[in-house]
Amino acid sequence: DIEYDIEKTIVFDPPLEGDRDKAWGRLRRMAREAAAKRHLA
């Protein structure tokens, strides 16, 4: 319903820490938790 692009900033609380592997591990956990809350795979 809107013609232009929309930006949404999501703040990490707490911030991502450690090396890239640890950051990816947290993102994967967040992804699974978010999917579960939406009752999706």
Full PDB file with SEQRES, HELIX, SHEET, SSBOND, CRYST1, ORIGX, SCALE, CONECT and MASTER records, all heavy atoms in Angstrom:
SEQRES   1 A   41  ASP ILE GLU TYR ASP ILE GLU LYS THR ILE VAL PHE ASP          
SEQRES   2 A   41  PRO PRO LEU GLU GLY ASP ARG ASP LYS ALA TRP GLY ARG          
SEQRES   3 A   41  LEU ARG ARG MET ALA ARG GLU ALA ALA ALA LYS ARG HIS          
SEQRES   4 A   41  LEU ALA                                                      
HELIX    1 AA1 ARG A   20  LYS A   37  1                                  18    
CRYST1    1.000    1.000    1.000  90.00  90.00  90.00 P 1           1          
ORIGX1      1.000000  0.000000  0.000000        0.00000                         
ORIGX2      0.000000  1.000000  0.000000        0.00000                         
ORIGX3      0.000000  0.000000  1.000000        0.00000                         
SCALE1      1.000000  0.000000  0.000000        0.00000                         
SCALE2      0.000000  1.000000  0.000000        0.00000                         
SCALE3      0.000000  0.000000  1.000000        0.00000                         
ATOM      1  N   ASP A   1       0.809  -1.223   0.000  1.00  0.00           N  
ATOM      2  CA  ASP A   1       0.000   0.000   0.000  1.00  0.00           C  
ATOM      3  C   ASP A   1       0.838   1.268   0.000  1.00  0.00           C  
ATOM      4  O   ASP A   1       0.291   2.375   0.013  1.00  0.00           O  
ATOM      5  CB  ASP A   1      -0.931   0.011   1.219  1.00  0.00           C  
ATOM      6  CG  ASP A   1      -1.952  -1.122   1.178  1.00  0.00           C  
ATOM      7  OD1 ASP A   1      -2.252  -1.599   0.064  1.00  0.00           O  
ATOM      8  OD2 ASP A   1      -2.439  -1.523   2.249  1.00  0.00           O  
ATOM      9  N   ILE A   2       2.179   1.110   0.015  1.00  0.00           N  
ATOM     10  CA  ILE A   2       3.073   2.274   0.070  1.00  0.00           C  
ATOM     11  C   ILE A   2       4.049   2.187  -1.094  1.00  0.00           C  
ATOM     12  O   ILE A   2       4.631   1.139  -1.351  1.00  0.00           O  
ATOM     13  CB  ILE A   2       3.836   2.316   1.412  1.00  0.00           C  
ATOM     14  CG1 ILE A   2       2.836   2.382   2.572  1.00  0.00           C  
ATOM     15  CG2 ILE A   2       4.778   3.514   1.452  1.00  0.00           C  
ATOM     16  CD1 ILE A   2       3.481   2.302   3.941  1.00  0.00           C  
ATOM     17  N   GLU A   3       4.253   3.276  -1.800  1.00  0.00           N  
ATOM     18  CA  GLU A   3       5.053   3.261  -3.023  1.00  0.00           C  
ATOM     19  C   GLU A   3       6.554   3.215  -2.767  1.00  0.00           C  
ATOM     20  O   GLU A   3       7.306   2.660  -3.562  1.00  0.00           O  
ATOM     21  CB  GLU A   3       4.719   4.481  -3.877  1.00  0.00           C  
ATOM     22  CG  GLU A   3       3.284   4.483  -4.415  1.00  0.00           C  
ATOM     23  CD  GLU A   3       3.006   5.675  -5.305  1.00  0.00           C  
ATOM     24  OE1 GLU A   3       3.930   6.509  -5.489  1.00  0.00           O  
ATOM     25  OE2 GLU A   3       1.882   5.798  -5.811  1.00  0.00           O  
ATOM     26  N   TYR A   4       7.018   3.806  -1.671  1.00  0.00           N  
ATOM     27  CA  TYR A   4       8.461   3.928  -1.452  1.00  0.00           C  
ATOM     28  C   TYR A   4       8.978   2.827  -0.522  1.00  0.00           C  
ATOM     29  O   TYR A   4       8.207   2.152   0.178  1.00  0.00           O  
ATOM     30  CB  TYR A   4       8.798   5.295  -0.850  1.00  0.00           C  
ATOM     31  CG  TYR A   4       7.979   5.662   0.371  1.00  0.00           C  
ATOM     32  CD1 TYR A   4       8.369   5.236   1.646  1.00  0.00           C  
ATOM     33  CD2 TYR A   4       6.823   6.433   0.255  1.00  0.00           C  
ATOM     34  CE1 TYR A   4       7.637   5.570   2.763  1.00  0.00           C  
ATOM     35  CE2 TYR A   4       6.073   6.765   1.375  1.00  0.00           C  
ATOM     36  CZ  TYR A   4       6.484   6.323   2.628  1.00  0.00           C  
ATOM     37  OH  TYR A   4       5.743   6.639   3.732  1.00  0.00           O  
ATOM     38  N   ASP A   5      10.323   2.636  -0.539  1.00  0.00           N  
ATOM     39  CA  ASP A   5      10.954   1.653   0.339  1.00  0.00           C  
ATOM     40  C   ASP A   5      10.861   2.094   1.797  1.00  0.00           C  
ATOM     41  O   ASP A   5      10.864   3.293   2.100  1.00  0.00           O  
ATOM     42  CB  ASP A   5      12.435   1.486  -0.021  1.00  0.00           C  
ATOM     43  CG  ASP A   5      12.616   0.827  -1.379  1.00  0.00           C  
ATOM     44  OD1 ASP A   5      11.645   0.221  -1.872  1.00  0.00           O  
ATOM     45  OD2 ASP A   5      13.726   0.925  -1.940  1.00  0.00           O  
ATOM     46  N   ILE A   6      10.784   1.109   2.680  1.00  0.00           N  
ATOM     47  CA  ILE A   6      10.702   1.383   4.119  1.00  0.00           C  
ATOM     48  C   ILE A   6      11.910   0.748   4.799  1.00  0.00           C  
ATOM     49  O   ILE A   6      12.255  -0.402   4.509  1.00  0.00           O  
ATOM     50  CB  ILE A   6       9.402   0.823   4.721  1.00  0.00           C  
ATOM     51  CG1 ILE A   6       8.185   1.404   3.986  1.00  0.00           C  
ATOM     52  CG2 ILE A   6       9.316   1.135   6.211  1.00  0.00           C  
ATOM     53  CD1 ILE A   6       6.881   0.745   4.397  1.00  0.00           C  
ATOM     54  N   GLU A   7      12.544   1.483   5.687  1.00  0.00           N  
ATOM     55  CA  GLU A   7      13.661   0.962   6.462  1.00  0.00           C  
ATOM     56  C   GLU A   7      13.217   0.696   7.898  1.00  0.00           C  
ATOM     57  O   GLU A   7      12.464   1.471   8.474  1.00  0.00           O  
ATOM     58  CB  GLU A   7      14.827   1.956   6.478  1.00  0.00           C  
ATOM     59  CG  GLU A   7      15.575   2.062   5.173  1.00  0.00           C  
ATOM     60  CD  GLU A   7      16.812   2.940   5.295  1.00  0.00           C  
ATOM     61  OE1 GLU A   7      17.220   3.242   6.446  1.00  0.00           O  
ATOM     62  OE2 GLU A   7      17.370   3.342   4.261  1.00  0.00           O  
ATOM     63  N   LYS A   8      13.679  -0.424   8.434  1.00  0.00           N  
ATOM     64  CA  LYS A   8      13.398  -0.749   9.832  1.00  0.00           C  
ATOM     65  C   LYS A   8      14.694  -1.157  10.508  1.00  0.00           C  
ATOM     66  O   LYS A   8      15.374  -2.098  10.068  1.00  0.00           O  
ATOM     67  CB  LYS A   8      12.387  -1.900   9.920  1.00  0.00           C  
ATOM     68  CG  LYS A   8      12.016  -2.272  11.350  1.00  0.00           C  
ATOM     69  CD  LYS A   8      11.230  -1.134  12.009  1.00  0.00           C  
ATOM     70  CE  LYS A   8      10.846  -1.495  13.430  1.00  0.00           C  
ATOM     71  NZ  LYS A   8      10.021  -0.447  14.066  1.00  0.00           N  
ATOM     72  N   THR A   9      15.065  -0.450  11.560  1.00  0.00           N  
ATOM     73  CA  THR A   9      16.276  -0.758  12.313  1.00  0.00           C  
ATOM     74  C   THR A   9      15.928  -1.597  13.535  1.00  0.00           C  
ATOM     75  O   THR A   9      15.028  -1.244  14.302  1.00  0.00           O  
ATOM     76  CB  THR A   9      16.985   0.535  12.758  1.00  0.00           C  
ATOM     77  OG1 THR A   9      17.374   1.278  11.595  1.00  0.00           O  
ATOM     78  CG2 THR A   9      18.225   0.208  13.582  1.00  0.00           C  
ATOM     79  N   ILE A  10      16.611  -2.707  13.681  1.00  0.00           N  
ATOM     80  CA  ILE A  10      16.408  -3.606  14.819  1.00  0.00           C  
ATOM     81  C   ILE A  10      17.674  -3.568  15.675  1.00  0.00           C  
ATOM     82  O   ILE A  10      18.764  -3.917  15.201  1.00  0.00           O  
ATOM     83  CB  ILE A  10      16.113  -5.042  14.343  1.00  0.00           C  
ATOM     84  CG1 ILE A  10      14.829  -5.064  13.502  1.00  0.00           C  
ATOM     85  CG2 ILE A  10      16.011  -5.991  15.526  1.00  0.00           C  
ATOM     86  CD1 ILE A  10      14.557  -6.390  12.846  1.00  0.00           C  
ATOM     87  N   VAL A  11      17.547  -3.121  16.897  1.00  0.00           N  
ATOM     88  CA  VAL A  11      18.693  -2.970  17.797  1.00  0.00           C  
ATOM     89  C   VAL A  11      18.946  -4.288  18.517  1.00  0.00           C  
ATOM     90  O   VAL A  11      18.018  -4.946  19.005  1.00  0.00           O  
ATOM     91  CB  VAL A  11      18.428  -1.851  18.821  1.00  0.00           C  
ATOM     92  CG1 VAL A  11      19.596  -1.736  19.807  1.00  0.00           C  
ATOM     93  CG2 VAL A  11      18.202  -0.520  18.102  1.00  0.00           C  
ATOM     94  N   PHE A  12      20.205  -4.698  18.563  1.00  0.00           N  
ATOM     95  CA  PHE A  12      20.592  -5.906  19.290  1.00  0.00           C  
ATOM     96  C   PHE A  12      20.740  -5.570  20.772  1.00  0.00           C  
ATOM     97  O   PHE A  12      21.513  -4.675  21.133  1.00  0.00           O  
ATOM     98  CB  PHE A  12      21.911  -6.468  18.763  1.00  0.00           C  
ATOM     99  CG  PHE A  12      21.851  -6.923  17.340  1.00  0.00           C  
ATOM    100  CD1 PHE A  12      22.722  -6.391  16.396  1.00  0.00           C  
ATOM    101  CD2 PHE A  12      20.915  -7.863  16.929  1.00  0.00           C  
ATOM    102  CE1 PHE A  12      22.677  -6.811  15.071  1.00  0.00           C  
ATOM    103  CE2 PHE A  12      20.867  -8.285  15.607  1.00  0.00           C  
ATOM    104  CZ  PHE A  12      21.746  -7.755  14.673  1.00  0.00           C  
ATOM    105  N   ASP A  13      20.017  -6.275  21.615  1.00  0.00           N  
ATOM    106  CA  ASP A  13      20.074  -6.043  23.053  1.00  0.00           C  
ATOM    107  C   ASP A  13      20.262  -7.377  23.771  1.00  0.00           C  
ATOM    108  O   ASP A  13      19.314  -8.149  23.889  1.00  0.00           O  
ATOM    109  CB  ASP A  13      18.790  -5.372  23.524  1.00  0.00           C  
ATOM    110  CG  ASP A  13      18.847  -4.996  25.000  1.00  0.00           C  
ATOM    111  OD1 ASP A  13      19.971  -4.909  25.539  1.00  0.00           O  
ATOM    112  OD2 ASP A  13      17.771  -4.816  25.601  1.00  0.00           O  
ATOM    113  N   PRO A  14      21.481  -7.662  24.214  1.00  0.00           N  
ATOM    114  CA  PRO A  14      22.694  -6.844  24.163  1.00  0.00           C  
ATOM    115  C   PRO A  14      23.320  -6.880  22.765  1.00  0.00           C  
ATOM    116  O   PRO A  14      22.900  -7.684  21.924  1.00  0.00           O  
ATOM    117  CB  PRO A  14      23.593  -7.532  25.186  1.00  0.00           C  
ATOM    118  CG  PRO A  14      23.174  -8.960  25.139  1.00  0.00           C  
ATOM    119  CD  PRO A  14      21.693  -8.942  24.931  1.00  0.00           C  
ATOM    120  N   PRO A  15      24.310  -6.030  22.539  1.00  0.00           N  
ATOM    121  CA  PRO A  15      24.968  -6.001  21.225  1.00  0.00           C  
ATOM    122  C   PRO A  15      25.648  -7.332  20.910  1.00  0.00           C  
ATOM    123  O   PRO A  15      25.959  -8.119  21.801  1.00  0.00           O  
ATOM    124  CB  PRO A  15      26.005  -4.867  21.367  1.00  0.00           C  
ATOM    125  CG  PRO A  15      25.486  -4.027  22.476  1.00  0.00           C  
ATOM    126  CD  PRO A  15      24.809  -4.967  23.433  1.00  0.00           C  
ATOM    127  N   LEU A  16      25.867  -7.563  19.627  1.00  0.00           N  
ATOM    128  CA  LEU A  16      26.610  -8.750  19.207  1.00  0.00           C  
ATOM    129  C   LEU A  16      28.043  -8.637  19.705  1.00  0.00           C  
ATOM    130  O   LEU A  16      28.676  -7.591  19.576  1.00  0.00           O  
ATOM    131  CB  LEU A  16      26.602  -8.877  17.681  1.00  0.00           C  
ATOM    132  CG  LEU A  16      25.239  -9.097  17.007  1.00  0.00           C  
ATOM    133  CD1 LEU A  16      25.423  -9.136  15.499  1.00  0.00           C  
ATOM    134  CD2 LEU A  16      24.588 -10.385  17.498  1.00  0.00           C  
ATOM    135  N   GLU A  17      28.539  -9.730  20.268  1.00  0.00           N  
ATOM    136  CA  GLU A  17      29.894  -9.716  20.810  1.00  0.00           C  
ATOM    137  C   GLU A  17      30.679 -10.910  20.307  1.00  0.00           C  
ATOM    138  O   GLU A  17      30.121 -11.878  19.801  1.00  0.00           O  
ATOM    139  CB  GLU A  17      29.854  -9.725  22.343  1.00  0.00           C  
ATOM    140  CG  GLU A  17      29.207  -8.480  22.954  1.00  0.00           C  
ATOM    141  CD  GLU A  17      29.152  -8.553  24.463  1.00  0.00           C  
ATOM    142  OE1 GLU A  17      29.482  -9.635  25.013  1.00  0.00           O  
ATOM    143  OE2 GLU A  17      28.793  -7.550  25.101  1.00  0.00           O  
ATOM    144  N   GLY A  18      32.000 -10.850  20.501  1.00  0.00           N  
ATOM    145  CA  GLY A  18      32.864 -11.955  20.128  1.00  0.00           C  
ATOM    146  C   GLY A  18      33.190 -11.950  18.649  1.00  0.00           C  
ATOM    147  O   GLY A  18      32.966 -10.970  17.935  1.00  0.00           O  
ATOM    148  N   ASP A  19      33.733 -13.067  18.191  1.00  0.00           N  
ATOM    149  CA  ASP A  19      34.129 -13.158  16.794  1.00  0.00           C  
ATOM    150  C   ASP A  19      32.911 -13.411  15.909  1.00  0.00           C  
ATOM    151  O   ASP A  19      31.767 -13.473  16.379  1.00  0.00           O  
ATOM    152  CB  ASP A  19      35.176 -14.255  16.600  1.00  0.00           C  
ATOM    153  CG  ASP A  19      34.671 -15.627  17.083  1.00  0.00           C  
ATOM    154  OD1 ASP A  19      33.439 -15.815  17.182  1.00  0.00           O  
ATOM    155  OD2 ASP A  19      35.503 -16.491  17.347  1.00  0.00           O  
ATOM    156  N   ARG A  20      33.174 -13.564  14.616  1.00  0.00           N  
ATOM    157  CA  ARG A  20      32.067 -13.703  13.666  1.00  0.00           C  
ATOM    158  C   ARG A  20      31.268 -14.974  13.904  1.00  0.00           C  
ATOM    159  O   ARG A  20      30.043 -14.982  13.767  1.00  0.00           O  
ATOM    160  CB  ARG A  20      32.609 -13.686  12.237  1.00  0.00           C  
ATOM    161  CG  ARG A  20      31.512 -13.515  11.193  1.00  0.00           C  
ATOM    162  CD  ARG A  20      32.077 -13.389   9.802  1.00  0.00           C  
ATOM    163  NE  ARG A  20      32.597 -14.665   9.311  1.00  0.00           N  
ATOM    164  CZ  ARG A  20      33.039 -14.851   8.064  1.00  0.00           C  
ATOM    165  NH1 ARG A  20      33.088 -13.835   7.235  1.00  0.00           N  
ATOM    166  NH2 ARG A  20      33.485 -16.032   7.684  1.00  0.00           N  
ATOM    167  N   ASP A  21      31.920 -16.064  14.302  1.00  0.00           N  
ATOM    168  CA  ASP A  21      31.215 -17.317  14.547  1.00  0.00           C  
ATOM    169  C   ASP A  21      30.216 -17.173  15.693  1.00  0.00           C  
ATOM    170  O   ASP A  21      29.087 -17.693  15.621  1.00  0.00           O  
ATOM    171  CB  ASP A  21      32.206 -18.435  14.857  1.00  0.00           C  
ATOM    172  CG  ASP A  21      33.003 -18.857  13.631  1.00  0.00           C  
ATOM    173  OD1 ASP A  21      32.536 -18.567  12.513  1.00  0.00           O  
ATOM    174  OD2 ASP A  21      34.095 -19.454  13.799  1.00  0.00           O  
ATOM    175  N   LYS A  22      30.625 -16.487  16.766  1.00  0.00           N  
ATOM    176  CA  LYS A  22      29.711 -16.278  17.879  1.00  0.00           C  
ATOM    177  C   LYS A  22      28.536 -15.399  17.459  1.00  0.00           C  
ATOM    178  O   LYS A  22      27.391 -15.628  17.867  1.00  0.00           O  
ATOM    179  CB  LYS A  22      30.457 -15.644  19.064  1.00  0.00           C  
ATOM    180  CG  LYS A  22      31.434 -16.588  19.744  1.00  0.00           C  
ATOM    181  CD  LYS A  22      32.078 -15.915  20.952  1.00  0.00           C  
ATOM    182  CE  LYS A  22      33.029 -16.880  21.653  1.00  0.00           C  
ATOM    183  NZ  LYS A  22      33.686 -16.246  22.830  1.00  0.00           N  
ATOM    184  N   ALA A  23      28.829 -14.383  16.649  1.00  0.00           N  
ATOM    185  CA  ALA A  23      27.754 -13.512  16.173  1.00  0.00           C  
ATOM    186  C   ALA A  23      26.760 -14.283  15.316  1.00  0.00           C  
ATOM    187  O   ALA A  23      25.541 -14.139  15.462  1.00  0.00           O  
ATOM    188  CB  ALA A  23      28.350 -12.344  15.385  1.00  0.00           C  
ATOM    189  N   TRP A  24      27.278 -15.131  14.420  1.00  0.00           N  
ATOM    190  CA  TRP A  24      26.403 -15.943  13.569  1.00  0.00           C  
ATOM    191  C   TRP A  24      25.596 -16.918  14.407  1.00  0.00           C  
ATOM    192  O   TRP A  24      24.415 -17.173  14.121  1.00  0.00           O  
ATOM    193  CB  TRP A  24      27.230 -16.694  12.531  1.00  0.00           C  
ATOM    194  CG  TRP A  24      27.569 -15.885  11.326  1.00  0.00           C  
ATOM    195  CD1 TRP A  24      28.801 -15.448  10.966  1.00  0.00           C  
ATOM    196  CD2 TRP A  24      26.671 -15.410  10.322  1.00  0.00           C  
ATOM    197  NE1 TRP A  24      28.730 -14.726   9.793  1.00  0.00           N  
ATOM    198  CE2 TRP A  24      27.437 -14.684   9.386  1.00  0.00           C  
ATOM    199  CE3 TRP A  24      25.302 -15.505  10.139  1.00  0.00           C  
ATOM    200  CZ2 TRP A  24      26.875 -14.071   8.278  1.00  0.00           C  
ATOM    201  CZ3 TRP A  24      24.728 -14.900   9.029  1.00  0.00           C  
ATOM    202  CH2 TRP A  24      25.517 -14.189   8.111  1.00  0.00           C  
ATOM    203  N   GLY A  25      26.214 -17.475  15.445  1.00  0.00           N  
ATOM    204  CA  GLY A  25      25.490 -18.386  16.321  1.00  0.00           C  
ATOM    205  C   GLY A  25      24.316 -17.707  16.991  1.00  0.00           C  
ATOM    206  O   GLY A  25      23.224 -18.285  17.082  1.00  0.00           O  
ATOM    207  N   ARG A  26      24.503 -16.472  17.428  1.00  0.00           N  
ATOM    208  CA  ARG A  26      23.396 -15.748  18.062  1.00  0.00           C  
ATOM    209  C   ARG A  26      22.316 -15.413  17.043  1.00  0.00           C  
ATOM    210  O   ARG A  26      21.121 -15.512  17.343  1.00  0.00           O  
ATOM    211  CB  ARG A  26      23.929 -14.472  18.719  1.00  0.00           C  
ATOM    212  CG  ARG A  26      22.820 -13.698  19.417  1.00  0.00           C  
ATOM    213  CD  ARG A  26      23.335 -12.519  20.170  1.00  0.00           C  
ATOM    214  NE  ARG A  26      22.249 -11.642  20.558  1.00  0.00           N  
ATOM    215  CZ  ARG A  26      22.410 -10.417  21.028  1.00  0.00           C  
ATOM    216  NH1 ARG A  26      23.650  -9.938  21.191  1.00  0.00           N  
ATOM    217  NH2 ARG A  26      21.380  -9.679  21.344  1.00  0.00           N  
ATOM    218  N   LEU A  27      22.719 -15.025  15.846  1.00  0.00           N  
ATOM    219  CA  LEU A  27      21.732 -14.725  14.803  1.00  0.00           C  
ATOM    220  C   LEU A  27      20.900 -15.955  14.455  1.00  0.00           C  
ATOM    221  O   LEU A  27      19.692 -15.856  14.235  1.00  0.00           O  
ATOM    222  CB  LEU A  27      22.429 -14.181  13.553  1.00  0.00           C  
ATOM    223  CG  LEU A  27      22.994 -12.765  13.644  1.00  0.00           C  
ATOM    224  CD1 LEU A  27      23.794 -12.446  12.399  1.00  0.00           C  
ATOM    225  CD2 LEU A  27      21.877 -11.746  13.846  1.00  0.00           C  
ATOM    226  N   ARG A  28      21.545 -17.104  14.420  1.00  0.00           N  
ATOM    227  CA  ARG A  28      20.804 -18.336  14.139  1.00  0.00           C  
ATOM    228  C   ARG A  28      19.798 -18.634  15.245  1.00  0.00           C  
ATOM    229  O   ARG A  28      18.662 -19.043  14.975  1.00  0.00           O  
ATOM    230  CB  ARG A  28      21.776 -19.504  13.953  1.00  0.00           C  
ATOM    231  CG  ARG A  28      22.497 -19.498  12.610  1.00  0.00           C  
ATOM    232  CD  ARG A  28      23.183 -20.829  12.363  1.00  0.00           C  
ATOM    233  NE  ARG A  28      24.278 -21.058  13.299  1.00  0.00           N  
ATOM    234  CZ  ARG A  28      25.538 -20.742  13.045  1.00  0.00           C  
ATOM    235  NH1 ARG A  28      25.874 -20.171  11.903  1.00  0.00           N  
ATOM    236  NH2 ARG A  28      26.487 -20.984  13.940  1.00  0.00           N  
ATOM    237  N   ARG A  29      20.207 -18.421  16.499  1.00  0.00           N  
ATOM    238  CA  ARG A  29      19.275 -18.645  17.617  1.00  0.00           C  
ATOM    239  C   ARG A  29      18.108 -17.663  17.536  1.00  0.00           C  
ATOM    240  O   ARG A  29      16.953 -18.043  17.769  1.00  0.00           O  
ATOM    241  CB  ARG A  29      20.005 -18.508  18.946  1.00  0.00           C  
ATOM    242  CG  ARG A  29      20.992 -19.642  19.234  1.00  0.00           C  
ATOM    243  CD  ARG A  29      21.453 -19.604  20.686  1.00  0.00           C  
ATOM    244  NE  ARG A  29      22.168 -18.376  21.007  1.00  0.00           N  
ATOM    245  CZ  ARG A  29      23.470 -18.217  20.844  1.00  0.00           C  
ATOM    246  NH1 ARG A  29      24.209 -19.193  20.325  1.00  0.00           N  
ATOM    247  NH2 ARG A  29      24.048 -17.080  21.176  1.00  0.00           N  
ATOM    248  N   MET A  30      18.406 -16.420  17.213  1.00  0.00           N  
ATOM    249  CA  MET A  30      17.345 -15.423  17.068  1.00  0.00           C  
ATOM    250  C   MET A  30      16.384 -15.807  15.948  1.00  0.00           C  
ATOM    251  O   MET A  30      15.164 -15.647  16.075  1.00  0.00           O  
ATOM    252  CB  MET A  30      17.952 -14.042  16.783  1.00  0.00           C  
ATOM    253  CG  MET A  30      18.675 -13.416  17.954  1.00  0.00           C  
ATOM    254  SD  MET A  30      19.496 -11.849  17.502  1.00  0.00           S  
ATOM    255  CE  MET A  30      18.059 -10.851  17.003  1.00  0.00           C  
ATOM    256  N   ALA A  31      16.943 -16.330  14.848  1.00  0.00           N  
ATOM    257  CA  ALA A  31      16.108 -16.719  13.709  1.00  0.00           C  
ATOM    258  C   ALA A  31      15.166 -17.854  14.099  1.00  0.00           C  
ATOM    259  O   ALA A  31      13.980 -17.854  13.743  1.00  0.00           O  
ATOM    260  CB  ALA A  31      16.988 -17.124  12.530  1.00  0.00           C  
ATOM    261  N   ARG A  32      15.675 -18.845  14.826  1.00  0.00           N  
ATOM    262  CA  ARG A  32      14.838 -19.975  15.235  1.00  0.00           C  
ATOM    263  C   ARG A  32      13.763 -19.527  16.219  1.00  0.00           C  
ATOM    264  O   ARG A  32      12.617 -19.992  16.151  1.00  0.00           O  
ATOM    265  CB  ARG A  32      15.700 -21.078  15.834  1.00  0.00           C  
ATOM    266  CG  ARG A  32      16.655 -21.701  14.816  1.00  0.00           C  
ATOM    267  CD  ARG A  32      17.300 -22.948  15.344  1.00  0.00           C  
ATOM    268  NE  ARG A  32      18.229 -23.501  14.369  1.00  0.00           N  
ATOM    269  CZ  ARG A  32      18.447 -24.794  14.193  1.00  0.00           C  
ATOM    270  NH1 ARG A  32      17.778 -25.673  14.911  1.00  0.00           N  
ATOM    271  NH2 ARG A  32      19.314 -25.228  13.303  1.00  0.00           N  
ATOM    272  N   GLU A  33      14.136 -18.653  17.146  1.00  0.00           N  
ATOM    273  CA  GLU A  33      13.161 -18.156  18.110  1.00  0.00           C  
ATOM    274  C   GLU A  33      12.066 -17.346  17.414  1.00  0.00           C  
ATOM    275  O   GLU A  33      10.881 -17.484  17.734  1.00  0.00           O  
ATOM    276  CB  GLU A  33      13.862 -17.299  19.161  1.00  0.00           C  
ATOM    277  CG  GLU A  33      14.765 -18.090  20.099  1.00  0.00           C  
ATOM    278  CD  GLU A  33      15.615 -17.199  20.986  1.00  0.00           C  
ATOM    279  OE1 GLU A  33      15.450 -15.955  20.906  1.00  0.00           O  
ATOM    280  OE2 GLU A  33      16.438 -17.736  21.752  1.00  0.00           O  
ATOM    281  N   ALA A  34      12.474 -16.524  16.445  1.00  0.00           N  
ATOM    282  CA  ALA A  34      11.494 -15.716  15.721  1.00  0.00           C  
ATOM    283  C   ALA A  34      10.550 -16.597  14.907  1.00  0.00           C  
ATOM    284  O   ALA A  34       9.330 -16.372  14.881  1.00  0.00           O  
ATOM    285  CB  ALA A  34      12.208 -14.717  14.807  1.00  0.00           C  
ATOM    286  N   ALA A  35      11.086 -17.622  14.246  1.00  0.00           N  
ATOM    287  CA  ALA A  35      10.236 -18.537  13.469  1.00  0.00           C  
ATOM    288  C   ALA A  35       9.265 -19.266  14.384  1.00  0.00           C  
ATOM    289  O   ALA A  35       8.089 -19.449  14.039  1.00  0.00           O  
ATOM    290  CB  ALA A  35      11.108 -19.523  12.700  1.00  0.00           C  
ATOM    291  N   ALA A  36       9.743 -19.703  15.545  1.00  0.00           N  
ATOM    292  CA  ALA A  36       8.878 -20.419  16.484  1.00  0.00           C  
ATOM    293  C   ALA A  36       7.736 -19.530  16.967  1.00  0.00           C  
ATOM    294  O   ALA A  36       6.599 -19.990  17.113  1.00  0.00           O  
ATOM    295  CB  ALA A  36       9.700 -20.919  17.669  1.00  0.00           C  
ATOM    296  N   LYS A  37       8.022 -18.257  17.195  1.00  0.00           N  
ATOM    297  CA  LYS A  37       6.969 -17.330  17.634  1.00  0.00           C  
ATOM    298  C   LYS A  37       5.921 -17.106  16.555  1.00  0.00           C  
ATOM    299  O   LYS A  37       4.761 -16.808  16.860  1.00  0.00           O  
ATOM    300  CB  LYS A  37       7.593 -15.994  18.050  1.00  0.00           C  
ATOM    301  CG  LYS A  37       8.377 -16.071  19.346  1.00  0.00           C  
ATOM    302  CD  LYS A  37       8.975 -14.728  19.720  1.00  0.00           C  
ATOM    303  CE  LYS A  37       9.745 -14.824  21.030  1.00  0.00           C  
ATOM    304  NZ  LYS A  37      10.374 -13.531  21.430  1.00  0.00           N  
ATOM    305  N   ARG A  38       6.324 -17.260  15.300  1.00  0.00           N  
ATOM    306  CA  ARG A  38       5.373 -17.121  14.191  1.00  0.00           C  
ATOM    307  C   ARG A  38       4.756 -18.462  13.814  1.00  0.00           C  
ATOM    308  O   ARG A  38       3.969 -18.536  12.876  1.00  0.00           O  
ATOM    309  CB  ARG A  38       6.076 -16.521  12.970  1.00  0.00           C  
ATOM    310  CG  ARG A  38       6.633 -15.128  13.182  1.00  0.00           C  
ATOM    311  CD  ARG A  38       7.197 -14.582  11.885  1.00  0.00           C  
ATOM    312  NE  ARG A  38       6.123 -14.301  10.935  1.00  0.00           N  
ATOM    313  CZ  ARG A  38       6.305 -14.117   9.636  1.00  0.00           C  
ATOM    314  NH1 ARG A  38       7.521 -14.227   9.114  1.00  0.00           N  
ATOM    315  NH2 ARG A  38       5.282 -13.858   8.842  1.00  0.00           N  
ATOM    316  N   HIS A  39       5.130 -19.517  14.539  1.00  0.00           N  
ATOM    317  CA  HIS A  39       4.619 -20.871  14.289  1.00  0.00           C  
ATOM    318  C   HIS A  39       4.955 -21.317  12.865  1.00  0.00           C  
ATOM    319  O   HIS A  39       4.121 -21.887  12.153  1.00  0.00           O  
ATOM    320  CB  HIS A  39       3.109 -20.936  14.526  1.00  0.00           C  
ATOM    321  CG  HIS A  39       2.697 -20.464  15.888  1.00  0.00           C  
ATOM    322  ND1 HIS A  39       2.971 -21.168  17.044  1.00  0.00           N  
ATOM    323  CD2 HIS A  39       2.055 -19.326  16.278  1.00  0.00           C  
ATOM    324  CE1 HIS A  39       2.500 -20.512  18.085  1.00  0.00           C  
ATOM    325  NE2 HIS A  39       1.951 -19.392  17.651  1.00  0.00           N  
ATOM    326  N   LEU A  40       6.207 -21.052  12.471  1.00  0.00           N  
ATOM    327  CA  LEU A  40       6.694 -21.427  11.151  1.00  0.00           C  
ATOM    328  C   LEU A  40       8.040 -22.131  11.291  1.00  0.00           C  
ATOM    329  O   LEU A  40       8.707 -22.020  12.317  1.00  0.00           O  
ATOM    330  CB  LEU A  40       6.861 -20.181  10.265  1.00  0.00           C  
ATOM    331  CG  LEU A  40       5.589 -19.416   9.903  1.00  0.00           C  
ATOM    332  CD1 LEU A  40       5.950 -18.090   9.238  1.00  0.00           C  
ATOM    333  CD2 LEU A  40       4.692 -20.240   8.989  1.00  0.00           C  
ATOM    334  N   ALA A  41       8.429 -22.848  10.244  1.00  0.00           N  
ATOM    335  CA  ALA A  41       9.747 -23.470  10.226  1.00  0.00           C  
ATOM    336  C   ALA A  41      10.818 -22.395  10.081  1.00  0.00           C  
ATOM    337  O   ALA A  41      10.562 -21.314   9.537  1.00  0.00           O  
ATOM    338  CB  ALA A  41       9.843 -24.469   9.081  1.00  0.00           C  
TER     339      ALA A  41                                                      
MASTER        0    0    0    1    0    0    0    6  338    1    0    4          
END                                                                             
